[in-house]
PDB file of N, CA and C in Angstrom:
ATOM      1  N   MET A   1      10.645   4.226  35.244  1.00  0.00           N
ATOM      2  CA  MET A   1      10.290   4.762  34.791  1.00  0.00           C
ATOM      3  C   MET A   1       9.879   4.020  33.363  1.00  0.00           C
ATOM      4  N   LYS A   2       7.787   4.147  33.480  1.00  0.00           N
ATOM      5  CA  LYS A   2       8.055   3.734  32.086  1.00  0.00           C
ATOM      6  C   LYS A   2       8.066   3.975  31.371  1.00  0.00           C
ATOM      7  N   LYS A   3       7.890   3.335  29.375  1.00  0.00           N
ATOM      8  CA  LYS A   3       7.296   3.432  28.562  1.00  0.00           C
ATOM      9  C   LYS A   3       7.013   4.391  28.572  1.00  0.00           C
ATOM     10  N   PRO A   4       6.957   4.818  26.690  1.00  0.00           N
ATOM     11  CA  PRO A   4       5.713   6.083  26.410  1.00  0.00           C
ATOM     12  C   PRO A   4       4.909   5.721  25.895  1.00  0.00           C
ATOM     13  N   ARG A   5       3.564   4.995  25.588  1.00  0.00           N
ATOM     14  CA  ARG A   5       2.810   4.828  24.407  1.00  0.00           C
ATOM     15  C   ARG A   5       3.114   5.617  23.411  1.00  0.00           C
ATOM     16  N   ILE A   6       2.785   4.944  22.419  1.00  0.00           N
ATOM     17  CA  ILE A   6       3.008   5.751  21.380  1.00  0.00           C
ATOM     18  C   ILE A   6       1.574   5.054  20.503  1.00  0.00           C
ATOM     19  N   ASN A   7       1.102   6.300  20.481  1.00  0.00           N
ATOM     20  CA  ASN A   7      -0.509   5.892  20.417  1.00  0.00           C
ATOM     21  C   ASN A   7      -0.262   6.030  18.503  1.00  0.00           C
ATOM     22  N   ARG A   8      -0.499   5.015  17.857  1.00  0.00           N
ATOM     23  CA  ARG A   8      -0.484   5.004  16.392  1.00  0.00           C
ATOM     24  C   ARG A   8      -1.674   4.793  15.183  1.00  0.00           C
ATOM     25  N   SER A   9      -2.951   3.918  16.170  1.00  0.00           N
ATOM     26  CA  SER A   9      -4.273   4.074  16.129  1.00  0.00           C
ATOM     27  C   SER A   9      -4.735   4.377  14.936  1.00  0.00           C
ATOM     28  N   ARG A  10      -4.301   5.638  15.037  1.00  0.00           N
ATOM     29  CA  ARG A  10      -5.362   6.440  13.559  1.00  0.00           C
ATOM     30  C   ARG A  10      -4.272   6.838  12.123  1.00  0.00           C
ATOM     31  N   GLU A  11      -3.598   6.969  12.972  1.00  0.00           N
ATOM     32  CA  GLU A  11      -2.459   7.039  11.286  1.00  0.00           C
ATOM     33  C   GLU A  11      -2.600   5.464  10.996  1.00  0.00           C
ATOM     34  N   VAL A  12      -2.859   4.301  11.535  1.00  0.00           N
ATOM     35  CA  VAL A  12      -2.931   3.204  10.746  1.00  0.00           C
ATOM     36  C   VAL A  12      -4.442   3.533  10.700  1.00  0.00           C
ATOM     37  N   ASN A  13      -5.463   4.331  11.397  1.00  0.00           N
ATOM     38  CA  ASN A  13      -6.518   4.270  10.669  1.00  0.00           C
ATOM     39  C   ASN A  13      -7.097   5.049   9.302  1.00  0.00           C
ATOM     40  N   LYS A  14      -5.458   5.735   9.115  1.00  0.00           N
ATOM     41  CA  LYS A  14      -6.294   6.753   7.994  1.00  0.00           C
ATOM     42  C   LYS A  14      -5.241   5.487   7.245  1.00  0.00           C
ATOM     43  N   GLU A  15      -4.541   4.934   6.894  1.00  0.00           N
ATOM     44  CA  GLU A  15      -4.162   4.084   5.792  1.00  0.00           C
ATOM     45  C   GLU A  15      -4.083   2.617   5.406  1.00  0.00           C
ATOM     46  N   ASP A  16      -5.395   2.693   6.885  1.00  0.00           N
ATOM     47  CA  ASP A  16      -6.260   2.047   6.386  1.00  0.00           C
ATOM     48  C   ASP A  16      -7.464   1.810   5.429  1.00  0.00           C
ATOM     49  N   ASP A  17      -7.890   3.323   6.274  1.00  0.00           N
ATOM     50  CA  ASP A  17      -8.848   4.028   5.063  1.00  0.00           C
ATOM     51  C   ASP A  17      -8.507   4.175   3.397  1.00  0.00           C
ATOM     52  N   ALA A  18      -7.234   4.846   3.187  1.00  0.00           N
ATOM     53  CA  ALA A  18      -6.829   5.495   2.182  1.00  0.00           C
ATOM     54  C   ALA A  18      -6.178   3.809   1.019  1.00  0.00           C
ATOM     55  N   LEU A  19      -6.534   2.696   2.038  1.00  0.00           N
ATOM     56  CA  LEU A  19      -6.195   1.143   1.333  1.00  0.00           C
ATOM     57  C   LEU A  19      -7.693   1.153   0.543  1.00  0.00           C
ATOM     58  N   ARG A  20      -8.428   1.066   1.954  1.00  0.00           N
ATOM     59  CA  ARG A  20      -9.927   0.985   1.481  1.00  0.00           C
ATOM     60  C   ARG A  20     -10.529   1.556   0.026  1.00  0.00           C
ATOM     61  N   GLN A  21     -10.330   3.014   0.348  1.00  0.00           N
ATOM     62  CA  GLN A  21     -10.138   3.073  -0.886  1.00  0.00           C
ATOM     63  C   GLN A  21      -9.464   3.368  -2.482  1.00  0.00           C
ATOM     64  N   ARG A  22      -8.542   3.147  -2.417  1.00  0.00           N
ATOM     65  CA  ARG A  22      -7.851   2.540  -3.667  1.00  0.00           C
ATOM     66  C   ARG A  22      -8.498   1.377  -3.933  1.00  0.00           C
ATOM     67  N   ILE A  23      -8.614   0.721  -2.869  1.00  0.00           N
ATOM     68  CA  ILE A  23      -9.580  -1.007  -3.777  1.00  0.00           C
ATOM     69  C   ILE A  23     -11.393  -0.869  -4.189  1.00  0.00           C
ATOM     70  N   ALA A  24     -11.435   0.299  -3.608  1.00  0.00           N
ATOM     71  CA  ALA A  24     -12.808   0.509  -4.013  1.00  0.00           C
ATOM     72  C   ALA A  24     -13.348   1.500  -5.406  1.00  0.00           C
ATOM     73  N   GLU A  25     -11.902   1.508  -5.850  1.00  0.00           N
ATOM     74  CA  GLU A  25     -11.751   2.233  -6.838  1.00  0.00           C
ATOM     75  C   GLU A  25     -11.747   1.272  -7.942  1.00  0.00           C
ATOM     76  N   LYS A  26     -10.684   0.423  -7.251  1.00  0.00           N
ATOM     77  CA  LYS A  26     -10.083  -0.110  -8.295  1.00  0.00           C
ATOM     78  C   LYS A  26     -11.051  -1.655  -8.735  1.00  0.00           C
ATOM     79  N   ALA A  27     -11.912  -1.363  -7.973  1.00  0.00           N
ATOM     80  CA  ALA A  27     -13.696  -2.543  -7.728  1.00  0.00           C
ATOM     81  C   ALA A  27     -13.911  -1.558  -8.843  1.00  0.00           C
ATOM     82  N   TYR A  28     -14.023  -0.730  -8.685  1.00  0.00           N
ATOM     83  CA  TYR A  28     -15.113  -0.043  -9.899  1.00  0.00           C
ATOM     84  C   TYR A  28     -14.288   0.698 -11.068  1.00  0.00           C
ATOM     85  N   GLU A  29     -13.975   0.972 -11.404  1.00  0.00           N
ATOM     86  CA  GLU A  29     -13.249   0.572 -12.571  1.00  0.00           C
ATOM     87  C   GLU A  29     -13.002  -0.931 -13.350  1.00  0.00           C
ATOM     88  N   LEU A  30     -12.565  -2.112 -12.958  1.00  0.00           N
ATOM     89  CA  LEU A  30     -12.851  -3.565 -13.127  1.00  0.00           C
ATOM     90  C   LEU A  30     -14.363  -3.204 -13.721  1.00  0.00           C
ATOM     91  N   TYR A  31     -15.384  -3.456 -12.648  1.00  0.00           N
ATOM     92  CA  TYR A  31     -17.495  -3.404 -12.611  1.00  0.00           C
ATOM     93  C   TYR A  31     -16.906  -2.563 -14.534  1.00  0.00           C
ATOM     94  N   GLN A  32     -17.262  -1.418 -14.666  1.00  0.00           N
ATOM     95  CA  GLN A  32     -16.598  -0.778 -15.267  1.00  0.00           C
ATOM     96  C   GLN A  32     -16.218  -1.641 -17.079  1.00  0.00           C
ATOM     97  N   GLN A  33     -15.040  -1.976 -16.462  1.00  0.00           N
ATOM     98  CA  GLN A  33     -14.694  -2.967 -17.350  1.00  0.00           C
ATOM     99  C   GLN A  33     -15.287  -4.339 -18.254  1.00  0.00           C
ATOM    100  N   ARG A  34     -16.224  -4.806 -17.178  1.00  0.00           N
ATOM    101  CA  ARG A  34     -16.778  -5.523 -17.268  1.00  0.00           C
ATOM    102  C   ARG A  34     -18.474  -5.053 -18.080  1.00  0.00           C
ATOM    103  N   GLY A  35     -18.843  -3.688 -18.685  1.00  0.00           N
ATOM    104  CA  GLY A  35     -19.379  -3.249 -19.194  1.00  0.00           C
ATOM    105  C   GLY A  35     -20.946  -3.043 -18.447  1.00  0.00           C
ATOM    106  N   HIS A  36     -21.021  -2.814 -16.862  1.00  0.00           N
ATOM    107  CA  HIS A  36     -21.759  -2.575 -15.486  1.00  0.00           C
ATOM    108  C   HIS A  36     -22.496  -3.807 -15.352  1.00  0.00           C
ATOM    109  N   ALA A  37     -21.580  -5.506 -15.677  1.00  0.00           N
ATOM    110  CA  ALA A  37     -22.806  -6.294 -14.947  1.00  0.00           C
ATOM    111  C   ALA A  37     -22.670  -6.389 -13.862  1.00  0.00           C
ATOM    112  N   HIS A  38     -24.383  -6.844 -13.539  1.00  0.00           N
ATOM    113  CA  HIS A  38     -24.310  -7.194 -12.337  1.00  0.00           C
ATOM    114  C   HIS A  38     -23.588  -8.334 -11.985  1.00  0.00           C
ATOM    115  N   GLY A  39     -23.980  -8.790 -10.680  1.00  0.00           N
ATOM    116  CA  GLY A  39     -22.911 -10.509  -9.784  1.00  0.00           C
ATOM    117  C   GLY A  39     -22.119 -10.717  -9.883  1.00  0.00           C
ATOM    118  N   SER A  40     -21.004 -10.319 -10.299  1.00  0.00           N
ATOM    119  CA  SER A  40     -20.017 -10.025  -9.736  1.00  0.00           C
ATOM    120  C   SER A  40     -19.612  -9.270  -8.577  1.00  0.00           C
ATOM    121  N   ASP A  41     -19.914  -9.153  -7.431  1.00  0.00           N
ATOM    122  CA  ASP A  41     -18.973  -7.116  -7.266  1.00  0.00           C
ATOM    123  C   ASP A  41     -17.815  -8.246  -6.243  1.00  0.00           C
ATOM    124  N   LEU A  42     -18.530  -9.479  -4.987  1.00  0.00           N
ATOM    125  CA  LEU A  42     -16.827 -10.082  -4.113  1.00  0.00           C
ATOM    126  C   LEU A  42     -16.130 -10.469  -5.681  1.00  0.00           C
ATOM    127  N   ASP A  43     -15.926 -10.870  -6.820  1.00  0.00           N
ATOM    128  CA  ASP A  43     -15.277 -10.860  -7.386  1.00  0.00           C
ATOM    129  C   ASP A  43     -14.082  -9.829  -7.709  1.00  0.00           C
ATOM    130  N   ASP A  44     -14.539  -8.142  -8.100  1.00  0.00           N
ATOM    131  CA  ASP A  44     -13.827  -7.526  -8.547  1.00  0.00           C
ATOM    132  C   ASP A  44     -13.178  -7.023  -7.183  1.00  0.00           C
ATOM    133  N   TRP A  45     -14.502  -7.508  -5.603  1.00  0.00           N
ATOM    134  CA  TRP A  45     -13.118  -7.015  -4.895  1.00  0.00           C
ATOM    135  C   TRP A  45     -12.347  -7.919  -4.350  1.00  0.00           C
ATOM    136  N   LEU A  46     -11.808  -8.853  -4.992  1.00  0.00           N
ATOM    137  CA  LEU A  46     -11.721  -9.257  -4.732  1.00  0.00           C
ATOM    138  C   LEU A  46      -9.994  -9.447  -4.856  1.00  0.00           C
ATOM    139  N   GLU A  47     -10.438  -9.569  -6.604  1.00  0.00           N
ATOM    140  CA  GLU A  47      -9.114  -8.440  -7.572  1.00  0.00           C
ATOM    141  C   GLU A  47      -8.311  -7.693  -7.420  1.00  0.00           C
ATOM    142  N   ALA A  48      -9.186  -6.523  -6.892  1.00  0.00           N
ATOM    143  CA  ALA A  48      -8.344  -5.827  -7.002  1.00  0.00           C
ATOM    144  C   ALA A  48      -8.217  -5.490  -5.241  1.00  0.00           C
ATOM    145  N   GLU A  49      -7.969  -5.920  -4.552  1.00  0.00           N
ATOM    146  CA  GLU A  49      -8.157  -6.305  -3.264  1.00  0.00           C
ATOM    147  C   GLU A  49      -5.992  -6.564  -3.669  1.00  0.00           C
ATOM    148  N   ARG A  50      -6.106  -8.429  -4.961  1.00  0.00           N
ATOM    149  CA  ARG A  50      -5.300  -8.290  -4.869  1.00  0.00           C
ATOM    150  C   ARG A  50      -3.992  -7.455  -5.758  1.00  0.00           C
ATOM    151  N   GLN A  51      -4.736  -6.718  -7.096  1.00  0.00           N
ATOM    152  CA  GLN A  51      -4.113  -5.724  -7.630  1.00  0.00           C
ATOM    153  C   GLN A  51      -2.731  -4.768  -6.910  1.00  0.00           C
ATOM    154  N   VAL A  52      -4.568  -3.895  -5.753  1.00  0.00           N
ATOM    155  CA  VAL A  52      -3.222  -2.889  -4.667  1.00  0.00           C
ATOM    156  C   VAL A  52      -2.784  -3.814  -3.893  1.00  0.00           C
ATOM    157  N   LEU A  53      -2.980  -4.673  -3.473  1.00  0.00           N
ATOM    158  CA  LEU A  53      -1.928  -5.115  -2.651  1.00  0.00           C
ATOM    159  C   LEU A  53      -0.396  -5.197  -2.666  1.00  0.00           C
ATOM    160  N   SER A  54      -1.043  -5.954  -4.213  1.00  0.00           N
ATOM    161  CA  SER A  54       0.392  -6.610  -5.227  1.00  0.00           C
ATOM    162  C   SER A  54       1.501  -4.828  -4.885  1.00  0.00           C
ATOM    163  N   GLU A  55       0.920  -3.676  -6.161  1.00  0.00           N
ATOM    164  CA  GLU A  55       1.368  -2.883  -5.597  1.00  0.00           C
ATOM    165  C   GLU A  55       2.298  -2.140  -4.715  1.00  0.00           C
ATOM    166  N   ALA A  56       1.724  -2.164  -3.781  1.00  0.00           N
ATOM    167  CA  ALA A  56       1.783  -1.381  -2.715  1.00  0.00           C
ATOM    168  C   ALA A  56       2.695  -2.201  -2.236  1.00  0.00           C
ATOM    169  N   ALA A  57       2.493  -3.762  -2.150  1.00  0.00           N
ATOM    170  CA  ALA A  57       4.137  -4.147  -2.244  1.00  0.00           C
ATOM    171  C   ALA A  57       5.198  -3.976  -2.885  1.00  0.00           C
ATOM    172  N   SER A  58       4.979  -3.978  -3.943  1.00  0.00           N
ATOM    173  CA  SER A  58       6.108  -3.834  -4.638  1.00  0.00           C
ATOM    174  C   SER A  58       6.758  -2.085  -4.086  1.00  0.00           C
ATOM    175  N   GLN A  59       6.027  -1.705  -3.933  1.00  0.00           N
ATOM    176  CA  GLN A  59       6.141   0.438  -3.937  1.00  0.00           C
ATOM    177  C   GLN A  59       7.011  -0.250  -2.231  1.00  0.00           C
ATOM    178  N   THR A  60       6.448  -0.452  -1.668  1.00  0.00           N
ATOM    179  CA  THR A  60       7.441  -0.810  -0.580  1.00  0.00           C
ATOM    180  C   THR A  60       8.446  -1.227  -0.553  1.00  0.00           C
ATOM    181  N   LYS A  61       8.473  -2.354  -1.724  1.00  0.00           N
ATOM    182  CA  LYS A  61       9.768  -3.277  -2.267  1.00  0.00           C
ATOM    183  C   LYS A  61      10.953  -2.171  -2.297  1.00  0.00           C
ATOM    184  N   MET A  62      10.440  -1.771  -3.506  1.00  0.00           N
ATOM    185  CA  MET A  62      11.149  -0.148  -3.801  1.00  0.00           C
ATOM    186  C   MET A  62      11.924   1.163  -3.003  1.00  0.00           C
ATOM    187  N   ASN A  63      10.908   1.589  -2.344  1.00  0.00           N
ATOM    188  CA  ASN A  63      11.458   1.882  -1.428  1.00  0.00           C
ATOM    189  C   ASN A  63      12.605   2.225  -0.031  1.00  0.00           C
ATOM    190  N   SER A  64      12.493   0.407   0.143  1.00  0.00           N
ATOM    191  CA  SER A  64      13.542  -0.360   1.255  1.00  0.00           C
ATOM    192  C   SER A  64      14.692  -0.254  -0.642  1.00  0.00           C
ATOM    193  N   LYS A  65      14.883  -1.021  -0.808  1.00  0.00           N
ATOM    194  CA  LYS A  65      15.531  -0.484  -1.791  1.00  0.00           C
ATOM    195  C   LYS A  65      16.520   0.742  -2.220  1.00  0.00           C
ATOM    196  N   THR A  66      15.265   1.802  -2.477  1.00  0.00           N
ATOM    197  CA  THR A  66      16.049   3.247  -2.954  1.00  0.00           C
ATOM    198  C   THR A  66      16.512   3.143  -1.210  1.00  0.00           C
ATOM    199  N   LEU A  67      16.220   3.210   0.272  1.00  0.00           N
ATOM    200  CA  LEU A  67      16.298   3.317   1.256  1.00  0.00           C
ATOM    201  C   LEU A  67      18.054   3.118   1.959  1.00  0.00           C
ATOM    202  N   SER A  68      18.006   1.660   0.857  1.00  0.00           N
ATOM    203  CA  SER A  68      19.310   0.965   1.511  1.00  0.00           C
ATOM    204  C   SER A  68      20.701   1.933   0.624  1.00  0.00           C
ATOM    205  N   SER A  69      20.031   1.737  -0.744  1.00  0.00           N
ATOM    206  CA  SER A  69      21.766   2.528  -1.189  1.00  0.00           C
ATOM    207  C   SER A  69      21.999   3.634  -0.241  1.00  0.00           C
ATOM    208  N   ARG A  70      20.679   4.158  -1.027  1.00  0.00           N
ATOM    209  CA  ARG A  70      21.611   6.150   0.192  1.00  0.00           C
ATOM    210  C   ARG A  70      22.303   5.936   1.095  1.00  0.00           C
ATOM    211  N   ARG A  71      21.448   4.277   2.649  1.00  0.00           N
ATOM    212  CA  ARG A  71      22.338   4.201   2.473  1.00  0.00           C
ATOM    213  C   ARG A  71      23.927   4.180   2.928  1.00  0.00           C
ATOM    214  N   ARG A  72      23.800   2.942   1.866  1.00  0.00           N
ATOM    215  CA  ARG A  72      25.005   2.948   1.587  1.00  0.00           C
ATOM    216  C   ARG A  72      26.765   4.071   1.104  1.00  0.00           C
ATOM    217  N   ARG A  73      25.325   4.045  -0.320  1.00  0.00           N
ATOM    218  CA  ARG A  73      26.170   5.143  -0.604  1.00  0.00           C
ATOM    219  C   ARG A  73      26.849   6.925   1.238  1.00  0.00           C
ATOM    220  N   SER A  74      25.394   6.325   1.756  1.00  0.00           N
ATOM    221  CA  SER A  74      26.407   7.945   3.264  1.00  0.00           C
ATOM    222  C   SER A  74      27.113   6.625   3.060  1.00  0.00           C
ATOM    223  N   LYS A  75      27.736   6.021   3.676  1.00  0.00           N
ATOM    224  CA  LYS A  75      28.611   5.162   4.201  1.00  0.00           C
ATOM    225  C   LYS A  75      29.795   5.289   3.545  1.00  0.00           C
ATOM    226  N   GLU A  76      29.299   5.393   2.151  1.00  0.00           N
ATOM    227  CA  GLU A  76      31.324   4.718   1.923  1.00  0.00           C
ATOM    228  C   GLU A  76      31.074   6.710   1.663  1.00  0.00           C
ATOM    229  N   LYS A  77      31.184   7.683   2.177  1.00  0.00           N
ATOM    230  CA  LYS A  77      31.021   8.403   1.159  1.00  0.00           C
ATOM    231  C   LYS A  77      31.516   9.854   3.051  1.00  0.00           C
ATOM    232  N   ARG A  78      31.520   8.515   3.876  1.00  0.00           N
ATOM    233  CA  ARG A  78      32.126   8.704   5.458  1.00  0.00           C
ATOM    234  C   ARG A  78      33.075   8.228   6.169  1.00  0.00           C
ATOM    235  N   THR A  79      33.833   7.373   4.673  1.00  0.00           N
ATOM    236  CA  THR A  79      34.927   6.589   5.174  1.00  0.00           C
ATOM    237  C   THR A  79      35.988   6.501   3.776  1.00  0.00           C
ATOM    238  N   SER A  80      35.183   7.611   2.744  1.00  0.00           N
ATOM    239  CA  SER A  80      35.886   7.850   1.833  1.00  0.00           C
ATOM    240  C   SER A  80      37.233   9.479   3.080  1.00  0.00           C
TER     241      SER A  80
END
């Protein structure tokens, strides 16, 4: 029997779109902070990308620690 395929492309596309949107908003903030000076759009985008991805990585790390802590507490309750 074949294993059912899971189509996650729509889910991934939504996540990608949300990430691109956050980067675009951050890049626009950087542009505004520079006084709307033109000519640094790529620099703004790359800096925004760095900041947003860094925030996302930190959030993922925090979520992972929270999940591990919950699992540990759950296991402790079962063994008590």
